[in-house]
Amino acid sequence: MMKIALDECVDMLGKEFVEQHKHLCCCTYGLSHEGKFLYNLGMDTEEIDVPMGDETPMKFYAYVVVDPINGKVTRDYKNSILPS
């Protein structure tokens, strides 16, 4: 499921764009109460110093939901922040 979700998020952000900034990407994932696999790929375009324990939003986010039974991926555009 992670590979399916990662590929979908990379597609949402743009493969070339992610490739340029892949060292500034990170993901989060987990399961919803309904058993759906939730995945987020966050990405910055420049390095910034963030103190340990501090929260600094990333510039872009791609969110997807994967149904583990049939592998269907749903893009969550409402919570995503994508490049123009």
Protein backbone atom coordinates (compact mmCIF):
# COMPACT_ATOMS: atom_id res chain seq x y z
CA MET A 1 0.00 0.00 0.00
CA MET A 2 2.86 2.37 0.74
CA LYS A 3 4.24 2.02 -2.80
CA ILE A 4 0.81 2.58 -4.34
CA ALA A 5 0.24 5.66 -2.17
CA LEU A 6 3.74 7.09 -2.74
CA ASP A 7 3.43 6.76 -6.52
CA GLU A 8 0.06 8.53 -6.43
CA CYS A 9 1.39 11.38 -4.27
CA VAL A 10 4.43 11.82 -6.52
CA ASP A 11 2.08 11.99 -9.49
CA MET A 12 0.00 14.65 -7.71
CA LEU A 13 3.04 16.81 -6.94
CA GLY A 14 4.78 16.17 -10.27
CA LYS A 15 7.49 13.57 -10.77
CA GLU A 16 10.17 16.01 -11.99
CA PHE A 17 9.37 18.46 -9.17
CA VAL A 18 9.66 15.75 -6.52
CA GLU A 19 12.88 14.44 -8.10
CA GLN A 20 14.42 17.93 -7.81
CA HIS A 21 13.56 18.16 -4.09
CA LYS A 22 13.44 14.52 -2.98
CA HIS A 23 15.93 15.22 -0.18
CA LEU A 24 13.33 17.58 1.30
CA CYS A 25 10.40 15.11 1.28
CA CYS A 26 8.93 13.12 4.12
CA CYS A 27 5.86 10.97 4.53
CA THR A 28 3.36 10.11 7.22
CA TYR A 29 0.88 7.26 7.15
CA GLY A 30 -1.56 5.31 9.25
CA LEU A 31 -4.94 3.61 9.33
CA SER A 32 -8.30 5.31 9.73
CA HIS A 33 -11.03 4.00 12.04
CA GLU A 34 -12.63 2.49 8.94
CA GLY A 35 -9.45 0.56 8.10
CA LYS A 36 -8.41 2.76 5.16
CA PHE A 37 -4.70 3.42 4.62
CA LEU A 38 -3.97 7.16 4.88
CA TYR A 39 -0.77 8.52 3.33
CA ASN A 40 0.74 11.98 3.07
CA LEU A 41 3.84 13.14 1.22
CA GLY A 42 5.12 16.51 2.38
CA MET A 43 7.76 18.45 0.50
CA ASP A 44 9.75 21.64 0.88
CA THR A 45 11.70 23.40 -1.85
CA GLU A 46 14.44 24.88 0.33
CA GLU A 47 16.25 23.82 3.46
CA ILE A 48 15.34 25.57 6.70
CA ASP A 49 16.56 25.08 10.25
CA VAL A 50 13.81 23.76 12.49
CA PRO A 51 14.52 23.34 16.22
CA MET A 52 13.90 19.81 17.54
CA GLY A 53 10.31 19.43 18.66
CA ASP A 54 9.16 22.47 16.70
CA GLU A 55 6.47 22.21 14.04
CA THR A 56 7.01 24.04 10.79
CA PRO A 57 4.56 23.31 7.97
CA MET A 58 6.04 22.09 4.73
CA LYS A 59 5.38 24.05 1.55
CA PHE A 60 3.48 21.29 -0.30
CA TYR A 61 1.43 18.23 0.68
CA ALA A 62 -0.23 15.42 -1.25
CA TYR A 63 -2.77 13.28 0.63
CA VAL A 64 -4.27 9.99 -0.55
CA VAL A 65 -6.49 7.26 0.89
CA VAL A 66 -5.99 3.63 -0.17
CA ASP A 67 -8.64 0.96 0.27
CA PRO A 68 -6.65 -2.10 1.42
CA ILE A 69 -9.30 -4.51 0.14
CA ASN A 70 -9.33 -3.46 -3.52
CA GLY A 71 -6.27 -1.15 -3.76
CA LYS A 72 -8.38 1.78 -4.99
CA VAL A 73 -6.67 5.12 -4.38
CA THR A 74 -8.60 8.30 -3.70
CA ARG A 75 -6.80 11.63 -3.94
CA ASP A 76 -7.63 14.02 -1.11
CA TYR A 77 -7.45 17.39 -2.87
CA LYS A 78 -9.21 19.16 0.01
CA ASN A 79 -6.24 18.64 2.35
CA SER A 80 -3.49 18.72 -0.28
CA ILE A 81 -1.42 21.78 -1.12
CA LEU A 82 -0.07 21.24 -4.61
CA PRO A 83 2.26 23.35 -6.77
CA SER A 84 0.60 25.41 -9.49
